[in-house]
Amino acid sequence: MSQNSPFLEVVMPAYMKGATIVESVTRLRYVLDRSVIDYAIHVVVDGPDVVTETELAPLIDSRIRMSVFPRNMGKGSALRHGVSNSSAKFIAFLDADLDIHPESIVVGVECLIESSEAALVCAYGSKFHLDSNVVYPRFRRVASSVYRFLVRILFRLDVEDSQTGLKVYEGDSIRQVMKHSVEQRFLFDLEVFSLLSKKGYNFTPIPVSLDYQYTSTIGAQAISRMFGETIRLAWRLRHVESNFVD
């Protein structure tokens, strides 16, 4: 970690989030300012998205920076860019909508700091945590439960919830596996969990406060496609496992 690096860097991918980006960043900054954490926020605008870029520009300061892609490349590319450009001790991912309260990022950092388990490198938000406060449509609750079961069977991962958009990683571990990540969109998180697991790392769920804002475009057709793509990812990772080296 560089001497000038923040203790925590939050990477926030954003695409077509002009309506929520200012409130999202302002709320995140308020939570982190109240903590004792030395932090930075890196918003990666997965362009073209002039509205999000324009709305965010007045907030840029010594703690908040923005990168802008010339074309839309997907959430995975945005997060990889954020990780590759950070040397922070801890790196968090947070979606740019208003669904998840950012207070769980502080909980995640504290969880990793206080853990005596050397292999524990990720605290992830889970809708299924007993202490989570979740307002969530029934259809998506059912889909999430089924998807959770599918992940356990296909990837042999003990992960309650791979898709909730809040995670805190130990920086060196996430940088270590990032060069092996290729997924561009919604399977990025699951791919990273799988790669970290192959390295012998562990994860722990943390509670989240989630108030679904209906900003997501995920519907029945998208969920069906997601299930198919998940099976494809499991097949690919199983067949490249022998080549997974530092």
C-alpha atoms as a PDB file:
ATOM      1  CA  MET A   1       0.000   0.000   0.000  1.00  0.00           C
ATOM      2  CA  SER A   2       1.365   3.372  -1.013  1.00  0.00           C
ATOM      3  CA  GLN A   3       2.076   5.854   1.764  1.00  0.00           C
ATOM      4  CA  ASN A   4      -0.479   8.238   0.246  1.00  0.00           C
ATOM      5  CA  SER A   5      -3.137   5.581  -0.351  1.00  0.00           C
ATOM      6  CA  PRO A   6      -6.432   5.731   1.533  1.00  0.00           C
ATOM      7  CA  PHE A   7      -7.212   2.971   4.006  1.00  0.00           C
ATOM      8  CA  LEU A   8     -10.453   2.281   2.119  1.00  0.00           C
ATOM      9  CA  GLU A   9     -11.416   3.010  -1.465  1.00  0.00           C
ATOM     10  CA  VAL A  10     -15.018   2.596  -2.564  1.00  0.00           C
ATOM     11  CA  VAL A  11     -15.432   1.805  -6.256  1.00  0.00           C
ATOM     12  CA  MET A  12     -18.861   2.757  -7.571  1.00  0.00           C
ATOM     13  CA  PRO A  13     -19.711   1.682 -11.139  1.00  0.00           C
ATOM     14  CA  ALA A  14     -22.333   3.919 -12.732  1.00  0.00           C
ATOM     15  CA  TYR A  15     -24.248   3.727 -15.985  1.00  0.00           C
ATOM     16  CA  MET A  16     -27.339   5.810 -16.661  1.00  0.00           C
ATOM     17  CA  LYS A  17     -27.463   6.840 -12.995  1.00  0.00           C
ATOM     18  CA  GLY A  18     -27.857  10.582 -13.523  1.00  0.00           C
ATOM     19  CA  ALA A  19     -31.035  10.597 -11.421  1.00  0.00           C
ATOM     20  CA  THR A  20     -29.382   9.001  -8.372  1.00  0.00           C
ATOM     21  CA  ILE A  21     -25.630   9.560  -8.587  1.00  0.00           C
ATOM     22  CA  VAL A  22     -25.482  12.798  -6.572  1.00  0.00           C
ATOM     23  CA  GLU A  23     -27.587  11.411  -3.732  1.00  0.00           C
ATOM     24  CA  SER A  24     -25.693   8.089  -3.816  1.00  0.00           C
ATOM     25  CA  VAL A  25     -22.275   9.716  -3.517  1.00  0.00           C
ATOM     26  CA  THR A  26     -23.464  12.307  -0.983  1.00  0.00           C
ATOM     27  CA  ARG A  27     -24.983   9.630   1.242  1.00  0.00           C
ATOM     28  CA  LEU A  28     -21.849   7.482   0.989  1.00  0.00           C
ATOM     29  CA  ARG A  29     -19.600  10.441   1.820  1.00  0.00           C
ATOM     30  CA  TYR A  30     -21.770  11.329   4.827  1.00  0.00           C
ATOM     31  CA  VAL A  31     -21.480   7.781   6.222  1.00  0.00           C
ATOM     32  CA  LEU A  32     -17.717   7.612   5.706  1.00  0.00           C
ATOM     33  CA  ASP A  33     -17.152  11.113   7.125  1.00  0.00           C
ATOM     34  CA  ARG A  34     -18.828   9.995  10.341  1.00  0.00           C
ATOM     35  CA  SER A  35     -16.476   7.014  10.625  1.00  0.00           C
ATOM     36  CA  VAL A  36     -12.787   7.168  11.506  1.00  0.00           C
ATOM     37  CA  ILE A  37     -11.827   5.602   8.169  1.00  0.00           C
ATOM     38  CA  ASP A  38      -9.450   7.355   5.782  1.00  0.00           C
ATOM     39  CA  TYR A  39     -11.292   6.882   2.509  1.00  0.00           C
ATOM     40  CA  ALA A  40     -11.574   7.704  -1.161  1.00  0.00           C
ATOM     41  CA  ILE A  41     -14.483   7.264  -3.562  1.00  0.00           C
ATOM     42  CA  HIS A  42     -13.890   6.345  -7.194  1.00  0.00           C
ATOM     43  CA  VAL A  43     -16.920   6.575  -9.470  1.00  0.00           C
ATOM     44  CA  VAL A  44     -16.372   4.766 -12.770  1.00  0.00           C
ATOM     45  CA  VAL A  45     -18.843   6.067 -15.341  1.00  0.00           C
ATOM     46  CA  ASP A  46     -19.405   3.237 -17.793  1.00  0.00           C
ATOM     47  CA  GLY A  47     -20.107   5.576 -20.699  1.00  0.00           C
ATOM     48  CA  PRO A  48     -21.341   7.036 -22.819  1.00  0.00           C
ATOM     49  CA  ASP A  49     -23.330   8.727 -20.062  1.00  0.00           C
ATOM     50  CA  VAL A  50     -23.118  12.507 -20.249  1.00  0.00           C
ATOM     51  CA  VAL A  51     -25.909  13.071 -17.722  1.00  0.00           C
ATOM     52  CA  THR A  52     -24.222  11.042 -14.952  1.00  0.00           C
ATOM     53  CA  GLU A  53     -20.875  12.664 -15.707  1.00  0.00           C
ATOM     54  CA  THR A  54     -22.389  16.170 -15.639  1.00  0.00           C
ATOM     55  CA  GLU A  55     -24.306  15.573 -12.410  1.00  0.00           C
ATOM     56  CA  LEU A  56     -21.265  14.147 -10.654  1.00  0.00           C
ATOM     57  CA  ALA A  57     -18.698  16.737 -11.764  1.00  0.00           C
ATOM     58  CA  PRO A  58     -19.441  19.359  -9.022  1.00  0.00           C
ATOM     59  CA  LEU A  59     -18.749  16.746  -6.309  1.00  0.00           C
ATOM     60  CA  ILE A  60     -15.214  15.946  -7.420  1.00  0.00           C
ATOM     61  CA  ASP A  61     -12.655  16.859  -4.754  1.00  0.00           C
ATOM     62  CA  SER A  62      -9.634  15.404  -2.969  1.00  0.00           C
ATOM     63  CA  ARG A  63     -11.638  12.365  -1.810  1.00  0.00           C
ATOM     64  CA  ILE A  64     -13.885  11.812  -4.814  1.00  0.00           C
ATOM     65  CA  ARG A  65     -12.649  11.102  -8.307  1.00  0.00           C
ATOM     66  CA  MET A  66     -14.295  10.061 -11.539  1.00  0.00           C
ATOM     67  CA  SER A  67     -13.216   7.934 -14.475  1.00  0.00           C
ATOM     68  CA  VAL A  68     -15.250   7.927 -17.682  1.00  0.00           C
ATOM     69  CA  PHE A  69     -15.270   5.128 -20.252  1.00  0.00           C
ATOM     70  CA  PRO A  70     -15.736   6.264 -23.866  1.00  0.00           C
ATOM     71  CA  ARG A  71     -18.167   3.379 -24.422  1.00  0.00           C
ATOM     72  CA  ASN A  72     -20.282   1.053 -22.310  1.00  0.00           C
ATOM     73  CA  MET A  73     -18.133  -1.920 -21.289  1.00  0.00           C
ATOM     74  CA  GLY A  74     -20.098  -3.437 -18.415  1.00  0.00           C
ATOM     75  CA  LYS A  75     -19.997  -3.490 -14.632  1.00  0.00           C
ATOM     76  CA  GLY A  76     -17.127  -5.997 -14.541  1.00  0.00           C
ATOM     77  CA  SER A  77     -14.892  -3.741 -16.599  1.00  0.00           C
ATOM     78  CA  ALA A  78     -15.736  -0.745 -14.411  1.00  0.00           C
ATOM     79  CA  LEU A  79     -14.892  -2.622 -11.214  1.00  0.00           C
ATOM     80  CA  ARG A  80     -11.681  -4.061 -12.657  1.00  0.00           C
ATOM     81  CA  HIS A  81     -10.638  -0.538 -13.600  1.00  0.00           C
ATOM     82  CA  GLY A  82     -11.308   0.662 -10.074  1.00  0.00           C
ATOM     83  CA  VAL A  83      -9.358  -2.176  -8.474  1.00  0.00           C
ATOM     84  CA  SER A  84      -6.400  -1.872 -10.828  1.00  0.00           C
ATOM     85  CA  ASN A  85      -6.129   1.835 -10.039  1.00  0.00           C
ATOM     86  CA  SER A  86      -6.265   1.462  -6.262  1.00  0.00           C
ATOM     87  CA  SER A  87      -3.586   0.561  -3.741  1.00  0.00           C
ATOM     88  CA  ALA A  88      -5.883   0.904  -0.722  1.00  0.00           C
ATOM     89  CA  LYS A  89      -5.777  -1.557   2.172  1.00  0.00           C
ATOM     90  CA  PHE A  90      -9.464  -2.321   1.650  1.00  0.00           C
ATOM     91  CA  ILE A  91     -11.539  -1.959  -1.511  1.00  0.00           C
ATOM     92  CA  ALA A  92     -15.326  -1.825  -1.420  1.00  0.00           C
ATOM     93  CA  PHE A  93     -17.852  -2.141  -4.229  1.00  0.00           C
ATOM     94  CA  LEU A  94     -21.148  -0.261  -4.035  1.00  0.00           C
ATOM     95  CA  ASP A  95     -23.846   0.063  -6.685  1.00  0.00           C
ATOM     96  CA  ALA A  96     -24.711   3.600  -7.721  1.00  0.00           C
ATOM     97  CA  ASP A  97     -28.440   3.319  -7.149  1.00  0.00           C
ATOM     98  CA  LEU A  98     -30.112   3.946  -3.795  1.00  0.00           C
ATOM     99  CA  ASP A  99     -31.143   0.379  -2.989  1.00  0.00           C
ATOM    100  CA  ILE A 100     -28.455  -0.385  -0.376  1.00  0.00           C
ATOM    101  CA  HIS A 101     -27.521   1.827   2.552  1.00  0.00           C
ATOM    102  CA  PRO A 102     -23.716   2.352   2.587  1.00  0.00           C
ATOM    103  CA  GLU A 103     -23.438   1.965   6.373  1.00  0.00           C
ATOM    104  CA  SER A 104     -22.734  -1.728   5.743  1.00  0.00           C
ATOM    105  CA  ILE A 105     -19.396  -0.768   4.189  1.00  0.00           C
ATOM    106  CA  VAL A 106     -18.194   0.421   7.594  1.00  0.00           C
ATOM    107  CA  VAL A 107     -19.506  -2.804   9.125  1.00  0.00           C
ATOM    108  CA  GLY A 108     -17.600  -4.800   6.510  1.00  0.00           C
ATOM    109  CA  VAL A 109     -14.312  -3.004   7.128  1.00  0.00           C
ATOM    110  CA  GLU A 110     -14.652  -3.505  10.877  1.00  0.00           C
ATOM    111  CA  CYS A 111     -15.476  -7.167  10.343  1.00  0.00           C
ATOM    112  CA  LEU A 112     -12.313  -7.783   8.326  1.00  0.00           C
ATOM    113  CA  ILE A 113     -10.108  -5.782  10.690  1.00  0.00           C
ATOM    114  CA  GLU A 114     -11.373  -7.590  13.782  1.00  0.00           C
ATOM    115  CA  SER A 115     -11.222 -11.086  12.295  1.00  0.00           C
ATOM    116  CA  SER A 116      -8.451 -13.415  13.471  1.00  0.00           C
ATOM    117  CA  GLU A 117      -8.916 -15.583  10.382  1.00  0.00           C
ATOM    118  CA  ALA A 118      -6.093 -14.884   7.927  1.00  0.00           C
ATOM    119  CA  ALA A 119      -8.017 -16.413   5.006  1.00  0.00           C
ATOM    120  CA  LEU A 120     -11.034 -14.129   5.476  1.00  0.00           C
ATOM    121  CA  VAL A 121     -10.758 -11.518   2.733  1.00  0.00           C
ATOM    122  CA  CYS A 122     -14.306 -10.434   1.924  1.00  0.00           C
ATOM    123  CA  ALA A 123     -17.351  -9.222   3.826  1.00  0.00           C
ATOM    124  CA  TYR A 124     -20.343  -9.175   1.504  1.00  0.00           C
ATOM    125  CA  GLY A 125     -23.829  -7.805   1.888  1.00  0.00           C
ATOM    126  CA  SER A 126     -26.459 -10.508   2.145  1.00  0.00           C
ATOM    127  CA  LYS A 127     -30.204 -10.155   1.844  1.00  0.00           C
ATOM    128  CA  PHE A 128     -30.477 -13.481   3.701  1.00  0.00           C
ATOM    129  CA  HIS A 129     -28.604 -12.353   6.820  1.00  0.00           C
ATOM    130  CA  LEU A 130     -30.840 -12.546   9.876  1.00  0.00           C
ATOM    131  CA  ASP A 131     -30.096  -8.911  10.740  1.00  0.00           C
ATOM    132  CA  SER A 132     -30.745  -7.565   7.249  1.00  0.00           C
ATOM    133  CA  ASN A 133     -33.593  -5.125   6.750  1.00  0.00           C
ATOM    134  CA  VAL A 134     -34.935  -5.939   3.321  1.00  0.00           C
ATOM    135  CA  VAL A 135     -37.840  -4.482   1.360  1.00  0.00           C
ATOM    136  CA  TYR A 136     -37.863  -6.681  -1.701  1.00  0.00           C
ATOM    137  CA  PRO A 137     -40.483  -7.836  -4.250  1.00  0.00           C
ATOM    138  CA  ARG A 138     -41.662 -11.417  -3.731  1.00  0.00           C
ATOM    139  CA  PHE A 139     -40.701 -12.431  -7.278  1.00  0.00           C
ATOM    140  CA  ARG A 140     -37.104 -11.361  -6.710  1.00  0.00           C
ATOM    141  CA  ARG A 141     -37.003 -13.018  -3.293  1.00  0.00           C
ATOM    142  CA  VAL A 142     -37.919 -16.342  -4.873  1.00  0.00           C
ATOM    143  CA  ALA A 143     -35.478 -15.862  -7.747  1.00  0.00           C
ATOM    144  CA  SER A 144     -32.680 -14.981  -5.309  1.00  0.00           C
ATOM    145  CA  SER A 145     -33.330 -18.094  -3.225  1.00  0.00           C
ATOM    146  CA  VAL A 146     -33.284 -20.342  -6.269  1.00  0.00           C
ATOM    147  CA  TYR A 147     -30.143 -18.668  -7.565  1.00  0.00           C
ATOM    148  CA  ARG A 148     -28.458 -19.110  -4.189  1.00  0.00           C
ATOM    149  CA  PHE A 149     -29.149 -22.862  -4.378  1.00  0.00           C
ATOM    150  CA  LEU A 150     -27.830 -23.009  -7.950  1.00  0.00           C
ATOM    151  CA  VAL A 151     -24.573 -21.310  -6.927  1.00  0.00           C
ATOM    152  CA  ARG A 152     -24.036 -23.780  -4.084  1.00  0.00           C
ATOM    153  CA  ILE A 153     -24.516 -26.744  -6.411  1.00  0.00           C
ATOM    154  CA  LEU A 154     -22.529 -25.507  -9.411  1.00  0.00           C
ATOM    155  CA  PHE A 155     -19.654 -23.678  -7.703  1.00  0.00           C
ATOM    156  CA  ARG A 156     -19.528 -25.394  -4.297  1.00  0.00           C
ATOM    157  CA  LEU A 157     -19.374 -21.955  -2.756  1.00  0.00           C
ATOM    158  CA  ASP A 158     -20.663 -21.237   0.708  1.00  0.00           C
ATOM    159  CA  VAL A 159     -21.929 -17.793  -0.277  1.00  0.00           C
ATOM    160  CA  GLU A 160     -25.349 -16.672   0.886  1.00  0.00           C
ATOM    161  CA  ASP A 161     -25.782 -13.911  -1.667  1.00  0.00           C
ATOM    162  CA  SER A 162     -23.391 -13.198  -4.526  1.00  0.00           C
ATOM    163  CA  GLN A 163     -25.488 -10.542  -6.242  1.00  0.00           C
ATOM    164  CA  THR A 164     -26.199  -7.846  -3.655  1.00  0.00           C
ATOM    165  CA  GLY A 165     -24.211  -4.795  -4.759  1.00  0.00           C
ATOM    166  CA  LEU A 166     -22.134  -4.153  -1.629  1.00  0.00           C
ATOM    167  CA  LYS A 167     -18.868  -5.916  -0.854  1.00  0.00           C
ATOM    168  CA  VAL A 168     -15.673  -5.112   1.061  1.00  0.00           C
ATOM    169  CA  TYR A 169     -12.428  -6.855   0.066  1.00  0.00           C
ATOM    170  CA  GLU A 170      -8.945  -6.987   1.494  1.00  0.00           C
ATOM    171  CA  GLY A 171      -7.079  -5.062  -1.184  1.00  0.00           C
ATOM    172  CA  ASP A 172      -4.170  -7.402  -1.940  1.00  0.00           C
ATOM    173  CA  SER A 173      -6.424 -10.432  -2.351  1.00  0.00           C
ATOM    174  CA  ILE A 174      -8.822  -8.773  -4.801  1.00  0.00           C
ATOM    175  CA  ARG A 175      -5.939  -7.328  -6.804  1.00  0.00           C
ATOM    176  CA  GLN A 176      -4.356 -10.790  -6.911  1.00  0.00           C
ATOM    177  CA  VAL A 177      -7.278 -12.446  -8.675  1.00  0.00           C
ATOM    178  CA  MET A 178      -8.462  -9.514 -10.767  1.00  0.00           C
ATOM    179  CA  LYS A 179      -6.095 -10.298 -13.634  1.00  0.00           C
ATOM    180  CA  HIS A 180      -7.899 -13.635 -14.053  1.00  0.00           C
ATOM    181  CA  SER A 181     -11.361 -12.049 -14.221  1.00  0.00           C
ATOM    182  CA  VAL A 182     -13.003 -11.692 -17.636  1.00  0.00           C
ATOM    183  CA  GLU A 183     -16.726 -11.358 -16.927  1.00  0.00           C
ATOM    184  CA  GLN A 184     -18.132  -8.018 -17.993  1.00  0.00           C
ATOM    185  CA  ARG A 185     -21.558  -7.854 -16.458  1.00  0.00           C
ATOM    186  CA  PHE A 186     -23.712  -9.478 -13.789  1.00  0.00           C
ATOM    187  CA  LEU A 187     -21.545 -12.602 -13.369  1.00  0.00           C
ATOM    188  CA  PHE A 188     -18.490 -10.598 -12.349  1.00  0.00           C
ATOM    189  CA  ASP A 189     -19.128 -10.924  -8.609  1.00  0.00           C
ATOM    190  CA  LEU A 190     -19.692 -14.660  -8.761  1.00  0.00           C
ATOM    191  CA  GLU A 191     -16.566 -15.110 -10.874  1.00  0.00           C
ATOM    192  CA  VAL A 192     -14.504 -13.180  -8.302  1.00  0.00           C
ATOM    193  CA  PHE A 193     -15.879 -15.287  -5.443  1.00  0.00           C
ATOM    194  CA  SER A 194     -14.942 -18.427  -7.355  1.00  0.00           C
ATOM    195  CA  LEU A 195     -11.426 -17.216  -8.120  1.00  0.00           C
ATOM    196  CA  LEU A 196     -10.835 -16.188  -4.517  1.00  0.00           C
ATOM    197  CA  SER A 197     -12.154 -19.544  -3.318  1.00  0.00           C
ATOM    198  CA  LYS A 198      -9.683 -21.357  -5.572  1.00  0.00           C
ATOM    199  CA  LYS A 199      -6.938 -19.431  -3.763  1.00  0.00           C
ATOM    200  CA  GLY A 200      -8.188 -20.736  -0.424  1.00  0.00           C
ATOM    201  CA  TYR A 201      -9.773 -17.465   0.696  1.00  0.00           C
ATOM    202  CA  ASN A 202     -12.989 -17.231   2.700  1.00  0.00           C
ATOM    203  CA  PHE A 203     -15.919 -14.786   2.880  1.00  0.00           C
ATOM    204  CA  THR A 204     -18.462 -13.755   5.476  1.00  0.00           C
ATOM    205  CA  PRO A 205     -21.949 -12.273   5.081  1.00  0.00           C
ATOM    206  CA  ILE A 206     -22.893  -8.982   6.712  1.00  0.00           C
ATOM    207  CA  PRO A 207     -26.358  -7.477   7.117  1.00  0.00           C
ATOM    208  CA  VAL A 208     -27.645  -4.851   4.738  1.00  0.00           C
ATOM    209  CA  SER A 209     -30.470  -2.379   4.737  1.00  0.00           C
ATOM    210  CA  LEU A 210     -32.029  -2.731   1.294  1.00  0.00           C
ATOM    211  CA  ASP A 211     -34.970  -0.720   0.039  1.00  0.00           C
ATOM    212  CA  TYR A 212     -35.525  -1.840  -3.518  1.00  0.00           C
ATOM    213  CA  GLN A 213     -36.075   1.279  -5.613  1.00  0.00           C
ATOM    214  CA  TYR A 214     -37.286  -0.469  -8.765  1.00  0.00           C
ATOM    215  CA  THR A 215     -34.379   1.030 -10.703  1.00  0.00           C
ATOM    216  CA  SER A 216     -33.179  -2.352 -11.898  1.00  0.00           C
ATOM    217  CA  THR A 217     -34.089  -3.643 -15.338  1.00  0.00           C
ATOM    218  CA  ILE A 218     -33.981  -7.289 -14.228  1.00  0.00           C
ATOM    219  CA  GLY A 219     -37.166  -9.131 -15.190  1.00  0.00           C
ATOM    220  CA  ALA A 220     -38.198 -12.721 -15.839  1.00  0.00           C
ATOM    221  CA  GLN A 221     -36.400 -12.910 -19.183  1.00  0.00           C
ATOM    222  CA  ALA A 222     -33.205 -11.411 -17.763  1.00  0.00           C
ATOM    223  CA  ILE A 223     -33.271 -13.780 -14.793  1.00  0.00           C
ATOM    224  CA  SER A 224     -33.697 -16.754 -17.114  1.00  0.00           C
ATOM    225  CA  ARG A 225     -30.710 -15.578 -19.146  1.00  0.00           C
ATOM    226  CA  MET A 226     -28.732 -15.080 -15.947  1.00  0.00           C
ATOM    227  CA  PHE A 227     -29.345 -18.685 -14.891  1.00  0.00           C
ATOM    228  CA  GLY A 228     -28.094 -19.924 -18.270  1.00  0.00           C
ATOM    229  CA  GLU A 229     -25.014 -17.714 -18.162  1.00  0.00           C
ATOM    230  CA  THR A 230     -24.279 -18.904 -14.622  1.00  0.00           C
ATOM    231  CA  ILE A 231     -24.192 -22.510 -15.800  1.00  0.00           C
ATOM    232  CA  ARG A 232     -21.825 -21.460 -18.592  1.00  0.00           C
ATOM    233  CA  LEU A 233     -19.539 -19.725 -16.084  1.00  0.00           C
ATOM    234  CA  ALA A 234     -19.429 -22.804 -13.852  1.00  0.00           C
ATOM    235  CA  TRP A 235     -18.461 -24.944 -16.846  1.00  0.00           C
ATOM    236  CA  ARG A 236     -15.735 -22.514 -17.915  1.00  0.00           C
ATOM    237  CA  LEU A 237     -14.202 -22.151 -14.467  1.00  0.00           C
ATOM    238  CA  ARG A 238     -14.202 -25.894 -13.919  1.00  0.00           C
ATOM    239  CA  HIS A 239     -12.229 -26.416 -17.094  1.00  0.00           C
ATOM    240  CA  VAL A 240      -9.644 -23.677 -16.496  1.00  0.00           C
ATOM    241  CA  GLU A 241      -9.058 -24.555 -12.868  1.00  0.00           C
ATOM    242  CA  SER A 242      -5.771 -26.382 -13.559  1.00  0.00           C
ATOM    243  CA  ASN A 243      -4.388 -23.274 -15.266  1.00  0.00           C
ATOM    244  CA  PHE A 244      -5.261 -20.893 -12.440  1.00  0.00           C
ATOM    245  CA  VAL A 245      -1.909 -19.728 -11.141  1.00  0.00           C
ATOM    246  CA  ASP A 246      -0.446 -16.455  -9.866  1.00  0.00           C
END
